[in-house]
Structures are given as structure tokens and as C-alpha cells.
């Protein structure tokens, strides 16, 4: 992964402390890609989605996978669609927050009505 530019420097300490476990983890994580079941273009699009997701937000990976996808012939529109679909993950803040806001506004209105 280091040689291929896919190494995250945040993994350095983990590798220093337990290189065997780190190697096994990286090997397991890359097995589906090494098997070649999915086309390389799809793997890059999926990798863009994972790295750009609000739970990950790893910019170096997004850049690396966008660059690789473009080199494989993936279109701007396909990459943009993946980014747009991935952005929906952040909608959970609204899914949680809007109903609570509505409940609290109703409760505030009831308290104000009772005080009159």
C-alpha cells in the first residue's frame, strides 16, 4: 500500500506497534479488490464514496481515487453522481433534528398557550 500511494500516514504508529496485525488487516481489506470480482472503475467509484462519506472524510483518498477513476475513463458525471449520492449520508442530521425541532416547537406553543 505504501508503494502504491494508498498508505494513510495515520497508520504509521499502528504499524510500528503491531506490524503483523496491520499487515493482516490491510490484506483482508484489499482482498475483494485483489480478487478482481468488481471492475476497476467500480472499485474506484466505491472507494471515492467511502473516503468522501461524512463518517470518513479522507481527502487524500478521495483525490487518489478520483485521479485513478479518471485515468480509467470514468466520466466527471459518474464521479459527481457518486459524490452526490454519498452526500445523502449527512441527511441523518435532518432526519434526527427536524422531528425533534417540530416536537419542541409544539411543546413551546403548548406552554405558551397554557400560560395565557
PDB file of N, CA and C in Angstrom:
ATOM      1  N   UNK A   1       0.830  -1.189   0.000  1.00  0.00           N
ATOM      2  CA  UNK A   1       0.000   0.000   0.000  1.00  0.00           C
ATOM      3  C   UNK A   1       0.875   1.253   0.000  1.00  0.00           C
ATOM      4  N   UNK A   2       1.977   1.193   0.712  1.00  0.00           N
ATOM      5  CA  UNK A   2       2.889   2.350   0.701  1.00  0.00           C
ATOM      6  C   UNK A   2       3.409   2.605  -0.706  1.00  0.00           C
ATOM      7  N   UNK A   3       3.863   1.552  -1.355  1.00  0.00           N
ATOM      8  CA  UNK A   3       4.437   1.694  -2.703  1.00  0.00           C
ATOM      9  C   UNK A   3       3.409   2.200  -3.698  1.00  0.00           C
ATOM     10  N   UNK A   4       2.161   1.802  -3.510  1.00  0.00           N
ATOM     11  CA  UNK A   4       1.099   2.217  -4.432  1.00  0.00           C
ATOM     12  C   UNK A   4       0.487   3.555  -4.094  1.00  0.00           C
ATOM     13  N   UNK A   5       0.952   4.194  -3.023  1.00  0.00           N
ATOM     14  CA  UNK A   5       0.420   5.503  -2.636  1.00  0.00           C
ATOM     15  C   UNK A   5      -0.898   5.431  -1.888  1.00  0.00           C
ATOM     16  N   UNK A   6      -1.268   4.235  -1.427  1.00  0.00           N
ATOM     17  CA  UNK A   6      -2.550   4.079  -0.742  1.00  0.00           C
ATOM     18  C   UNK A   6      -2.399   4.051   0.783  1.00  0.00           C
ATOM     19  N   UNK A   7      -1.202   4.304   1.264  1.00  0.00           N
ATOM     20  CA  UNK A   7      -0.942   4.256   2.700  1.00  0.00           C
ATOM     21  C   UNK A   7      -1.363   5.555   3.362  1.00  0.00           C
ATOM     22  N   UNK A   8      -2.123   5.446   4.434  1.00  0.00           N
ATOM     23  CA  UNK A   8      -2.528   6.603   5.227  1.00  0.00           C
ATOM     24  C   UNK A   8      -1.472   6.796   6.314  1.00  0.00           C
ATOM     25  N   UNK A   9      -0.817   7.965   6.367  1.00  0.00           N
ATOM     26  CA  UNK A   9       0.219   8.169   7.385  1.00  0.00           C
ATOM     27  C   UNK A   9      -0.296   8.025   8.815  1.00  0.00           C
ATOM     28  N   UNK A  10      -1.603   8.106   9.010  1.00  0.00           N
ATOM     29  CA  UNK A  10      -2.161   7.907  10.346  1.00  0.00           C
ATOM     30  C   UNK A  10      -1.982   6.466  10.821  1.00  0.00           C
ATOM     31  N   UNK A  11      -1.685   5.554   9.899  1.00  0.00           N
ATOM     32  CA  UNK A  11      -1.478   4.150  10.241  1.00  0.00           C
ATOM     33  C   UNK A  11      -0.047   3.869  10.683  1.00  0.00           C
ATOM     34  N   UNK A  12       0.851   4.827  10.566  1.00  0.00           N
ATOM     35  CA  UNK A  12       2.261   4.588  10.882  1.00  0.00           C
ATOM     36  C   UNK A  12       2.468   4.049  12.294  1.00  0.00           C
ATOM     37  N   UNK A  13       1.871   4.683  13.286  1.00  0.00           N
ATOM     38  CA  UNK A  13       2.069   4.264  14.678  1.00  0.00           C
ATOM     39  C   UNK A  13       1.487   2.871  14.896  1.00  0.00           C
ATOM     40  N   UNK A  14       0.314   2.617  14.334  1.00  0.00           N
ATOM     41  CA  UNK A  14      -0.289   1.294  14.452  1.00  0.00           C
ATOM     42  C   UNK A  14       0.643   0.235  13.860  1.00  0.00           C
ATOM     43  N   UNK A  15       1.204   0.534  12.709  1.00  0.00           N
ATOM     44  CA  UNK A  15       2.147  -0.393  12.080  1.00  0.00           C
ATOM     45  C   UNK A  15       3.395  -0.584  12.945  1.00  0.00           C
ATOM     46  N   UNK A  16       3.909   0.511  13.533  1.00  0.00           N
ATOM     47  CA  UNK A  16       5.088   0.410  14.400  1.00  0.00           C
ATOM     48  C   UNK A  16       4.811  -0.490  15.600  1.00  0.00           C
ATOM     49  N   UNK A  17       3.627  -0.348  16.168  1.00  0.00           N
ATOM     50  CA  UNK A  17       3.288  -1.092  17.373  1.00  0.00           C
ATOM     51  C   UNK A  17       2.904  -2.545  17.099  1.00  0.00           C
ATOM     52  N   UNK A  18       2.242  -2.783  15.960  1.00  0.00           N
ATOM     53  CA  UNK A  18       1.815  -4.153  15.672  1.00  0.00           C
ATOM     54  C   UNK A  18       1.792  -4.379  14.156  1.00  0.00           C
ATOM     55  N   UNK A  19       2.980  -4.546  13.565  1.00  0.00           N
ATOM     56  CA  UNK A  19       3.055  -4.685  12.113  1.00  0.00           C
ATOM     57  C   UNK A  19       2.331  -5.923  11.582  1.00  0.00           C
ATOM     58  N   UNK A  20       2.363  -7.009  12.327  1.00  0.00           N
ATOM     59  CA  UNK A  20       1.702  -8.226  11.851  1.00  0.00           C
ATOM     60  C   UNK A  20       0.195  -8.015  11.731  1.00  0.00           C
ATOM     61  N   UNK A  21      -0.430  -7.457  12.772  1.00  0.00           N
ATOM     62  CA  UNK A  21      -1.867  -7.212  12.745  1.00  0.00           C
ATOM     63  C   UNK A  21      -2.213  -6.231  11.627  1.00  0.00           C
ATOM     64  N   UNK A  22      -1.430  -5.162  11.501  1.00  0.00           N
ATOM     65  CA  UNK A  22      -1.694  -4.155  10.479  1.00  0.00           C
ATOM     66  C   UNK A  22      -1.625  -4.770   9.083  1.00  0.00           C
ATOM     67  N   UNK A  23      -0.616  -5.593   8.843  1.00  0.00           N
ATOM     68  CA  UNK A  23      -0.498  -6.258   7.541  1.00  0.00           C
ATOM     69  C   UNK A  23      -1.710  -7.147   7.268  1.00  0.00           C
ATOM     70  N   UNK A  24      -2.124  -7.905   8.276  1.00  0.00           N
ATOM     71  CA  UNK A  24      -3.281  -8.789   8.104  1.00  0.00           C
ATOM     72  C   UNK A  24      -4.551  -7.982   7.832  1.00  0.00           C
ATOM     73  N   UNK A  25      -4.726  -6.894   8.556  1.00  0.00           N
ATOM     74  CA  UNK A  25      -5.903  -6.041   8.371  1.00  0.00           C
ATOM     75  C   UNK A  25      -5.925  -5.461   6.959  1.00  0.00           C
ATOM     76  N   UNK A  26      -4.787  -4.946   6.513  1.00  0.00           N
ATOM     77  CA  UNK A  26      -4.717  -4.361   5.173  1.00  0.00           C
ATOM     78  C   UNK A  26      -4.937  -5.427   4.102  1.00  0.00           C
ATOM     79  N   UNK A  27      -4.418  -6.593   4.329  1.00  0.00           N
ATOM     80  CA  UNK A  27      -4.594  -7.690   3.374  1.00  0.00           C
ATOM     81  C   UNK A  27      -6.070  -8.083   3.273  1.00  0.00           C
ATOM     82  N   UNK A  28      -6.728  -8.184   4.429  1.00  0.00           N
ATOM     83  CA  UNK A  28      -8.142  -8.533   4.439  1.00  0.00           C
ATOM     84  C   UNK A  28      -8.970  -7.456   3.737  1.00  0.00           C
ATOM     85  N   UNK A  29      -8.667  -6.215   4.015  1.00  0.00           N
ATOM     86  CA  UNK A  29      -9.430  -5.113   3.440  1.00  0.00           C
ATOM     87  C   UNK A  29      -9.278  -4.982   1.938  1.00  0.00           C
ATOM     88  N   UNK A  30      -8.152  -5.417   1.422  1.00  0.00           N
ATOM     89  CA  UNK A  30      -7.916  -5.286  -0.013  1.00  0.00           C
ATOM     90  C   UNK A  30      -8.241  -6.558  -0.793  1.00  0.00           C
ATOM     91  N   UNK A  31      -8.623  -7.625  -0.107  1.00  0.00           N
ATOM     92  CA  UNK A  31      -8.904  -8.894  -0.770  1.00  0.00           C
ATOM     93  C   UNK A  31      -9.994  -8.789  -1.835  1.00  0.00           C
ATOM     94  N   UNK A  32     -11.126  -8.141  -1.571  1.00  0.00           N
ATOM     95  CA  UNK A  32     -12.131  -8.056  -2.622  1.00  0.00           C
ATOM     96  C   UNK A  32     -11.612  -7.369  -3.893  1.00  0.00           C
ATOM     97  N   UNK A  33     -10.735  -6.413  -3.738  1.00  0.00           N
ATOM     98  CA  UNK A  33     -10.161  -5.719  -4.898  1.00  0.00           C
ATOM     99  C   UNK A  33      -9.193  -6.644  -5.616  1.00  0.00           C
ATOM    100  N   UNK A  34      -8.350  -7.335  -4.859  1.00  0.00           N
ATOM    101  CA  UNK A  34      -7.364  -8.238  -5.467  1.00  0.00           C
ATOM    102  C   UNK A  34      -8.010  -9.398  -6.206  1.00  0.00           C
ATOM    103  N   UNK A  35      -9.180  -9.814  -5.766  1.00  0.00           N
ATOM    104  CA  UNK A  35      -9.871 -10.921  -6.430  1.00  0.00           C
ATOM    105  C   UNK A  35     -10.352 -10.542  -7.824  1.00  0.00           C
ATOM    106  N   UNK A  36     -10.528  -9.268  -8.066  1.00  0.00           N
ATOM    107  CA  UNK A  36     -10.935  -8.814  -9.398  1.00  0.00           C
ATOM    108  C   UNK A  36     -12.387  -9.075  -9.743  1.00  0.00           C
ATOM    109  N   UNK A  37     -13.231  -9.291  -8.747  1.00  0.00           N
ATOM    110  CA  UNK A  37     -14.645  -9.558  -8.996  1.00  0.00           C
ATOM    111  C   UNK A  37     -15.343  -8.313  -9.545  1.00  0.00           C
ATOM    112  N   UNK A  38     -14.973  -7.166  -9.024  1.00  0.00           N
ATOM    113  CA  UNK A  38     -15.576  -5.903  -9.462  1.00  0.00           C
ATOM    114  C   UNK A  38     -14.652  -5.220 -10.464  1.00  0.00           C
ATOM    115  N   UNK A  39     -15.224  -4.576 -11.464  1.00  0.00           N
ATOM    116  CA  UNK A  39     -14.391  -3.847 -12.425  1.00  0.00           C
ATOM    117  C   UNK A  39     -13.618  -2.725 -11.727  1.00  0.00           C
ATOM    118  N   UNK A  40     -12.414  -2.435 -12.169  1.00  0.00           N
ATOM    119  CA  UNK A  40     -11.600  -1.396 -11.520  1.00  0.00           C
ATOM    120  C   UNK A  40     -12.303  -0.040 -11.444  1.00  0.00           C
ATOM    121  N   UNK A  41     -13.074   0.307 -12.455  1.00  0.00           N
ATOM    122  CA  UNK A  41     -13.796   1.588 -12.433  1.00  0.00           C
ATOM    123  C   UNK A  41     -14.780   1.627 -11.261  1.00  0.00           C
ATOM    124  N   UNK A  42     -15.470   0.508 -11.051  1.00  0.00           N
ATOM    125  CA  UNK A  42     -16.434   0.441  -9.958  1.00  0.00           C
ATOM    126  C   UNK A  42     -15.729   0.506  -8.610  1.00  0.00           C
ATOM    127  N   UNK A  43     -14.599  -0.167  -8.499  1.00  0.00           N
ATOM    128  CA  UNK A  43     -13.823  -0.139  -7.258  1.00  0.00           C
ATOM    129  C   UNK A  43     -13.415   1.294  -6.937  1.00  0.00           C
ATOM    130  N   UNK A  44     -12.981   2.039  -7.935  1.00  0.00           N
ATOM    131  CA  UNK A  44     -12.581   3.431  -7.699  1.00  0.00           C
ATOM    132  C   UNK A  44     -13.779   4.278  -7.287  1.00  0.00           C
ATOM    133  N   UNK A  45     -14.929   4.079  -7.931  1.00  0.00           N
ATOM    134  CA  UNK A  45     -16.128   4.834  -7.550  1.00  0.00           C
ATOM    135  C   UNK A  45     -16.553   4.503  -6.123  1.00  0.00           C
ATOM    136  N   UNK A  46     -16.502   3.240  -5.784  1.00  0.00           N
ATOM    137  CA  UNK A  46     -16.841   2.827  -4.423  1.00  0.00           C
ATOM    138  C   UNK A  46     -15.848   3.408  -3.418  1.00  0.00           C
ATOM    139  N   UNK A  47     -14.586   3.417  -3.778  1.00  0.00           N
ATOM    140  CA  UNK A  47     -13.554   3.979  -2.901  1.00  0.00           C
ATOM    141  C   UNK A  47     -13.746   5.474  -2.707  1.00  0.00           C
ATOM    142  N   UNK A  48     -14.163   6.169  -3.762  1.00  0.00           N
ATOM    143  CA  UNK A  48     -14.476   7.605  -3.641  1.00  0.00           C
ATOM    144  C   UNK A  48     -15.593   7.789  -2.634  1.00  0.00           C
ATOM    145  N   UNK A  49     -16.638   6.987  -2.753  1.00  0.00           N
ATOM    146  CA  UNK A  49     -17.780   7.105  -1.844  1.00  0.00           C
ATOM    147  C   UNK A  49     -17.365   6.868  -0.398  1.00  0.00           C
ATOM    148  N   UNK A  50     -16.565   5.845  -0.158  1.00  0.00           N
ATOM    149  CA  UNK A  50     -16.135   5.532   1.212  1.00  0.00           C
ATOM    150  C   UNK A  50     -15.281   6.665   1.773  1.00  0.00           C
ATOM    151  N   UNK A  51     -14.310   7.135   0.993  1.00  0.00           N
ATOM    152  CA  UNK A  51     -13.412   8.173   1.507  1.00  0.00           C
ATOM    153  C   UNK A  51     -14.100   9.529   1.650  1.00  0.00           C
ATOM    154  N   UNK A  52     -15.118   9.801   0.828  1.00  0.00           N
ATOM    155  CA  UNK A  52     -15.810  11.090   0.893  1.00  0.00           C
ATOM    156  C   UNK A  52     -16.963  11.092   1.893  1.00  0.00           C
ATOM    157  N   UNK A  53     -17.357   9.926   2.387  1.00  0.00           N
ATOM    158  CA  UNK A  53     -18.501   9.834   3.294  1.00  0.00           C
ATOM    159  C   UNK A  53     -18.281  10.677   4.545  1.00  0.00           C
ATOM    160  N   UNK A  54     -19.368  11.209   5.071  1.00  0.00           N
ATOM    161  CA  UNK A  54     -19.284  12.082   6.242  1.00  0.00           C
ATOM    162  C   UNK A  54     -18.706  11.367   7.456  1.00  0.00           C
ATOM    163  N   UNK A  55     -18.714  10.062   7.455  1.00  0.00           N
ATOM    164  CA  UNK A  55     -18.145   9.306   8.567  1.00  0.00           C
ATOM    165  C   UNK A  55     -16.657   9.048   8.390  1.00  0.00           C
ATOM    166  N   UNK A  56     -16.118   9.418   7.227  1.00  0.00           N
ATOM    167  CA  UNK A  56     -14.704   9.146   6.952  1.00  0.00           C
ATOM    168  C   UNK A  56     -13.955  10.421   6.545  1.00  0.00           C
ATOM    169  N   UNK A  57     -14.425  11.095   5.520  1.00  0.00           N
ATOM    170  CA  UNK A  57     -13.882  12.363   5.025  1.00  0.00           C
ATOM    171  C   UNK A  57     -12.353  12.360   4.942  1.00  0.00           C
ATOM    172  N   UNK A  58     -11.812  11.451   4.156  1.00  0.00           N
ATOM    173  CA  UNK A  58     -10.365  11.330   3.988  1.00  0.00           C
ATOM    174  C   UNK A  58      -9.983  11.906   2.622  1.00  0.00           C
ATOM    175  N   UNK A  59      -9.654  13.187   2.615  1.00  0.00           N
ATOM    176  CA  UNK A  59      -9.380  13.914   1.368  1.00  0.00           C
ATOM    177  C   UNK A  59      -8.272  13.309   0.516  1.00  0.00           C
ATOM    178  N   UNK A  60      -7.146  12.872   1.100  1.00  0.00           N
ATOM    179  CA  UNK A  60      -6.120  12.279   0.236  1.00  0.00           C
ATOM    180  C   UNK A  60      -6.632  11.058  -0.526  1.00  0.00           C
ATOM    181  N   UNK A  61      -7.466  10.265   0.121  1.00  0.00           N
ATOM    182  CA  UNK A  61      -8.035   9.102  -0.556  1.00  0.00           C
ATOM    183  C   UNK A  61      -9.017   9.505  -1.642  1.00  0.00           C
ATOM    184  N   UNK A  62      -9.842  10.507  -1.369  1.00  0.00           N
ATOM    185  CA  UNK A  62     -10.785  10.991  -2.380  1.00  0.00           C
ATOM    186  C   UNK A  62     -10.004  11.442  -3.612  1.00  0.00           C
ATOM    187  N   UNK A  63      -8.964  12.208  -3.404  1.00  0.00           N
ATOM    188  CA  UNK A  63      -8.149  12.702  -4.519  1.00  0.00           C
ATOM    189  C   UNK A  63      -7.515  11.543  -5.295  1.00  0.00           C
ATOM    190  N   UNK A  64      -6.916  10.611  -4.553  1.00  0.00           N
ATOM    191  CA  UNK A  64      -6.241   9.481  -5.186  1.00  0.00           C
ATOM    192  C   UNK A  64      -7.224   8.652  -6.022  1.00  0.00           C
ATOM    193  N   UNK A  65      -8.411   8.413  -5.477  1.00  0.00           N
ATOM    194  CA  UNK A  65      -9.384   7.574  -6.188  1.00  0.00           C
ATOM    195  C   UNK A  65     -10.071   8.326  -7.332  1.00  0.00           C
ATOM    196  N   UNK A  66     -10.269   9.624  -7.189  1.00  0.00           N
ATOM    197  CA  UNK A  66     -10.797  10.396  -8.319  1.00  0.00           C
ATOM    198  C   UNK A  66      -9.785  10.385  -9.462  1.00  0.00           C
ATOM    199  N   UNK A  67      -8.526  10.608  -9.120  1.00  0.00           N
ATOM    200  CA  UNK A  67      -7.480  10.596 -10.150  1.00  0.00           C
ATOM    201  C   UNK A  67      -7.440   9.230 -10.847  1.00  0.00           C
ATOM    202  N   UNK A  68      -7.470   8.153 -10.075  1.00  0.00           N
ATOM    203  CA  UNK A  68      -7.428   6.800 -10.656  1.00  0.00           C
ATOM    204  C   UNK A  68      -8.667   6.532 -11.498  1.00  0.00           C
ATOM    205  N   UNK A  69      -9.826   6.982 -11.024  1.00  0.00           N
ATOM    206  CA  UNK A  69     -11.063   6.776 -11.789  1.00  0.00           C
ATOM    207  C   UNK A  69     -10.995   7.500 -13.132  1.00  0.00           C
ATOM    208  N   UNK A  70     -10.533   8.732 -13.102  1.00  0.00           N
ATOM    209  CA  UNK A  70     -10.419   9.493 -14.356  1.00  0.00           C
ATOM    210  C   UNK A  70      -9.456   8.806 -15.317  1.00  0.00           C
ATOM    211  N   UNK A  71      -8.342   8.309 -14.783  1.00  0.00           N
ATOM    212  CA  UNK A  71      -7.371   7.607 -15.629  1.00  0.00           C
ATOM    213  C   UNK A  71      -7.951   6.325 -16.223  1.00  0.00           C
ATOM    214  N   UNK A  72      -8.941   5.728 -15.545  1.00  0.00           N
ATOM    215  CA  UNK A  72      -9.598   4.520 -16.048  1.00  0.00           C
ATOM    216  C   UNK A  72     -10.754   4.841 -16.999  1.00  0.00           C
ATOM    217  N   UNK A  73     -11.000   6.143 -17.227  1.00  0.00           N
ATOM    218  CA  UNK A  73     -12.048   6.526 -18.155  1.00  0.00           C
ATOM    219  C   UNK A  73     -13.402   6.812 -17.528  1.00  0.00           C
ATOM    220  N   UNK A  74     -13.472   6.864 -16.207  1.00  0.00           N
ATOM    221  CA  UNK A  74     -14.723   7.205 -15.539  1.00  0.00           C
ATOM    222  C   UNK A  74     -15.015   8.682 -15.823  1.00  0.00           C
ATOM    223  N   UNK A  75     -16.266   8.984 -16.127  1.00  0.00           N
ATOM    224  CA  UNK A  75     -16.621  10.353 -16.501  1.00  0.00           C
ATOM    225  C   UNK A  75     -16.806  11.253 -15.281  1.00  0.00           C
ATOM    226  N   UNK A  76     -16.727  12.539 -15.524  1.00  0.00           N
ATOM    227  CA  UNK A  76     -16.985  13.522 -14.477  1.00  0.00           C
ATOM    228  C   UNK A  76     -18.382  13.327 -13.912  1.00  0.00           C
ATOM    229  N   UNK A  77     -19.351  13.064 -14.803  1.00  0.00           N
ATOM    230  CA  UNK A  77     -20.734  12.896 -14.377  1.00  0.00           C
ATOM    231  C   UNK A  77     -20.902  11.690 -13.452  1.00  0.00           C
ATOM    232  N   UNK A  78     -20.181  10.604 -13.729  1.00  0.00           N
ATOM    233  CA  UNK A  78     -20.252   9.417 -12.868  1.00  0.00           C
ATOM    234  C   UNK A  78     -19.661   9.700 -11.492  1.00  0.00           C
ATOM    235  N   UNK A  79     -18.536  10.374 -11.475  1.00  0.00           N
ATOM    236  CA  UNK A  79     -17.904  10.710 -10.191  1.00  0.00           C
ATOM    237  C   UNK A  79     -18.781  11.677  -9.410  1.00  0.00           C
ATOM    238  N   UNK A  80     -19.330  12.664 -10.090  1.00  0.00           N
ATOM    239  CA  UNK A  80     -20.215  13.621  -9.424  1.00  0.00           C
ATOM    240  C   UNK A  80     -21.445  12.919  -8.853  1.00  0.00           C
ATOM    241  N   UNK A  81     -22.005  11.976  -9.596  1.00  0.00           N
ATOM    242  CA  UNK A  81     -23.162  11.227  -9.103  1.00  0.00           C
ATOM    243  C   UNK A  81     -22.824  10.479  -7.824  1.00  0.00           C
ATOM    244  N   UNK A  82     -21.640   9.882  -7.772  1.00  0.00           N
ATOM    245  CA  UNK A  82     -21.211   9.166  -6.557  1.00  0.00           C
ATOM    246  C   UNK A  82     -21.092  10.142  -5.393  1.00  0.00           C
ATOM    247  N   UNK A  83     -20.487  11.294  -5.630  1.00  0.00           N
ATOM    248  CA  UNK A  83     -20.356  12.286  -4.560  1.00  0.00           C
ATOM    249  C   UNK A  83     -21.725  12.786  -4.103  1.00  0.00           C
ATOM    250  N   UNK A  84     -22.621  12.991  -5.041  1.00  0.00           N
ATOM    251  CA  UNK A  84     -23.972  13.445  -4.678  1.00  0.00           C
ATOM    252  C   UNK A  84     -24.714  12.379  -3.881  1.00  0.00           C
ATOM    253  N   UNK A  85     -24.606  11.123  -4.302  1.00  0.00           N
ATOM    254  CA  UNK A  85     -25.250  10.044  -3.557  1.00  0.00           C
ATOM    255  C   UNK A  85     -24.649   9.900  -2.165  1.00  0.00           C
ATOM    256  N   UNK A  86     -23.339  10.046  -2.073  1.00  0.00           N
ATOM    257  CA  UNK A  86     -22.658   9.927  -0.786  1.00  0.00           C
ATOM    258  C   UNK A  86     -23.071  11.042   0.162  1.00  0.00           C
ATOM    259  N   UNK A  87     -23.343  12.214  -0.380  1.00  0.00           N
ATOM    260  CA  UNK A  87     -23.715  13.342   0.480  1.00  0.00           C
ATOM    261  C   UNK A  87     -25.010  13.088   1.230  1.00  0.00           C
ATOM    262  N   UNK A  88     -25.827  12.174   0.744  1.00  0.00           N
ATOM    263  CA  UNK A  88     -27.091  11.867   1.399  1.00  0.00           C
ATOM    264  C   UNK A  88     -26.871  11.278   2.791  1.00  0.00           C
ATOM    265  N   UNK A  89     -25.691  10.696   3.027  1.00  0.00           N
ATOM    266  CA  UNK A  89     -25.399  10.160   4.357  1.00  0.00           C
ATOM    267  C   UNK A  89     -25.551  11.232   5.431  1.00  0.00           C
ATOM    268  N   UNK A  90     -25.248  12.467   5.076  1.00  0.00           N
ATOM    269  CA  UNK A  90     -25.346  13.565   6.031  1.00  0.00           C
ATOM    270  C   UNK A  90     -26.767  13.981   6.338  1.00  0.00           C
ATOM    271  N   UNK A  91     -27.728  13.475   5.593  1.00  0.00           N
ATOM    272  CA  UNK A  91     -29.126  13.847   5.795  1.00  0.00           C
ATOM    273  C   UNK A  91     -29.629  13.373   7.151  1.00  0.00           C
ATOM    274  N   UNK A  92     -28.904  12.435   7.771  1.00  0.00           N
ATOM    275  CA  UNK A  92     -29.352  11.922   9.057  1.00  0.00           C
ATOM    276  C   UNK A  92     -29.450  13.010  10.114  1.00  0.00           C
ATOM    277  N   UNK A  93     -28.643  14.053   9.985  1.00  0.00           N
ATOM    278  CA  UNK A  93     -28.756  15.166  10.926  1.00  0.00           C
ATOM    279  C   UNK A  93     -30.151  15.776  10.842  1.00  0.00           C
ATOM    280  N   UNK A  94     -30.686  15.877   9.642  1.00  0.00           N
ATOM    281  CA  UNK A  94     -32.050  16.394   9.467  1.00  0.00           C
ATOM    282  C   UNK A  94     -33.081  15.360   9.893  1.00  0.00           C
ATOM    283  N   UNK A  95     -32.823  14.087   9.587  1.00  0.00           N
ATOM    284  CA  UNK A  95     -33.764  13.030   9.976  1.00  0.00           C
ATOM    285  C   UNK A  95     -33.946  12.977  11.479  1.00  0.00           C
ATOM    286  N   UNK A  96     -32.889  13.267  12.219  1.00  0.00           N
ATOM    287  CA  UNK A  96     -32.954  13.273  13.674  1.00  0.00           C
ATOM    288  C   UNK A  96     -33.421  14.634  14.180  1.00  0.00           C
ATOM    289  N   UNK A  97     -32.826  15.672  13.652  1.00  0.00           N
ATOM    290  CA  UNK A  97     -33.057  17.009  14.197  1.00  0.00           C
ATOM    291  C   UNK A  97     -34.401  17.632  13.874  1.00  0.00           C
ATOM    292  N   UNK A  98     -34.911  17.459  12.666  1.00  0.00           N
ATOM    293  CA  UNK A  98     -36.169  18.117  12.273  1.00  0.00           C
ATOM    294  C   UNK A  98     -37.354  17.616  13.097  1.00  0.00           C
ATOM    295  N   UNK A  99     -37.534  16.299  13.291  1.00  0.00           N
ATOM    296  CA  UNK A  99     -38.649  15.866  14.144  1.00  0.00           C
ATOM    297  C   UNK A  99     -38.532  16.383  15.577  1.00  0.00           C
ATOM    298  N   UNK A 100     -37.314  16.415  16.110  1.00  0.00           N
ATOM    299  CA  UNK A 100     -37.131  16.944  17.463  1.00  0.00           C
ATOM    300  C   UNK A 100     -37.467  18.423  17.493  1.00  0.00           C
ATOM    301  N   UNK A 101     -37.023  19.163  16.484  1.00  0.00           N
ATOM    302  CA  UNK A 101     -37.366  20.587  16.406  1.00  0.00           C
ATOM    303  C   UNK A 101     -38.872  20.770  16.362  1.00  0.00           C
ATOM    304  N   UNK A 102     -39.571  19.968  15.557  1.00  0.00           N
ATOM    305  CA  UNK A 102     -41.032  20.070  15.458  1.00  0.00           C
ATOM    306  C   UNK A 102     -41.684  19.776  16.809  1.00  0.00           C
ATOM    307  N   UNK A 103     -41.215  18.746  17.499  1.00  0.00           N
ATOM    308  CA  UNK A 103     -41.758  18.405  18.817  1.00  0.00           C
ATOM    309  C   UNK A 103     -41.534  19.538  19.809  1.00  0.00           C
ATOM    310  N   UNK A 104     -40.335  20.098  19.805  1.00  0.00           N
ATOM    311  CA  UNK A 104     -40.023  21.164  20.750  1.00  0.00           C
ATOM    312  C   UNK A 104     -40.808  22.443  20.435  1.00  0.00           C
ATOM    313  N   UNK A 105     -41.001  22.726  19.172  1.00  0.00           N
ATOM    314  CA  UNK A 105     -41.818  23.891  18.809  1.00  0.00           C
ATOM    315  C   UNK A 105     -43.262  23.689  19.253  1.00  0.00           C
ATOM    316  N   UNK A 106     -43.802  22.476  19.072  1.00  0.00           N
ATOM    317  CA  UNK A 106     -45.155  22.179  19.549  1.00  0.00           C
ATOM    318  C   UNK A 106     -45.243  22.321  21.066  1.00  0.00           C
ATOM    319  N   UNK A 107     -44.237  21.809  21.769  1.00  0.00           N
ATOM    320  CA  UNK A 107     -44.227  21.890  23.231  1.00  0.00           C
ATOM    321  C   UNK A 107     -44.147  23.343  23.689  1.00  0.00           C
ATOM    322  N   UNK A 108     -43.332  24.135  23.014  1.00  0.00           N
ATOM    323  CA  UNK A 108     -43.223  25.553  23.351  1.00  0.00           C
ATOM    324  C   UNK A 108     -44.565  26.256  23.137  1.00  0.00           C
ATOM    325  N   UNK A 109     -45.201  25.960  22.054  1.00  0.00           N
ATOM    326  CA  UNK A 109     -46.504  26.572  21.764  1.00  0.00           C
ATOM    327  C   UNK A 109     -47.536  26.164  22.817  1.00  0.00           C
ATOM    328  N   UNK A 110     -47.533  24.894  23.237  1.00  0.00           N
ATOM    329  CA  UNK A 110     -48.463  24.444  24.282  1.00  0.00           C
ATOM    330  C   UNK A 110     -48.199  25.163  25.600  1.00  0.00           C
ATOM    331  N   UNK A 111     -46.926  25.309  25.965  1.00  0.00           N
ATOM    332  CA  UNK A 111     -46.589  26.016  27.210  1.00  0.00           C
ATOM    333  C   UNK A 111     -47.051  27.461  27.144  1.00  0.00           C
ATOM    334  N   UNK A 112     -46.857  28.095  26.026  1.00  0.00           N
ATOM    335  CA  UNK A 112     -47.280  29.489  25.872  1.00  0.00           C
ATOM    336  C   UNK A 112     -48.798  29.610  25.954  1.00  0.00           C
ATOM    337  N   UNK A 113     -49.499  28.653  25.363  1.00  0.00           N
ATOM    338  CA  UNK A 113     -50.967  28.656  25.408  1.00  0.00           C
ATOM    339  C   UNK A 113     -51.452  28.460  26.820  1.00  0.00           C
ATOM    340  N   UNK A 114     -50.836  27.544  27.560  1.00  0.00           N
ATOM    341  CA  UNK A 114     -51.230  27.271  28.952  1.00  0.00           C
ATOM    342  C   UNK A 114     -50.946  28.459  29.858  1.00  0.00           C
ATOM    343  N   UNK A 115     -49.951  29.249  29.559  1.00  0.00           N
ATOM    344  CA  UNK A 115     -49.591  30.398  30.383  1.00  0.00           C
ATOM    345  C   UNK A 115     -50.531  31.576  30.165  1.00  0.00           C
ATOM    346  N   UNK A 116     -51.284  31.553  29.112  1.00  0.00           N
ATOM    347  CA  UNK A 116     -52.180  32.699  28.806  1.00  0.00           C
ATOM    348  C   UNK A 116     -53.440  32.653  29.588  1.00  0.00           C
TER     349      UNK A 116
END
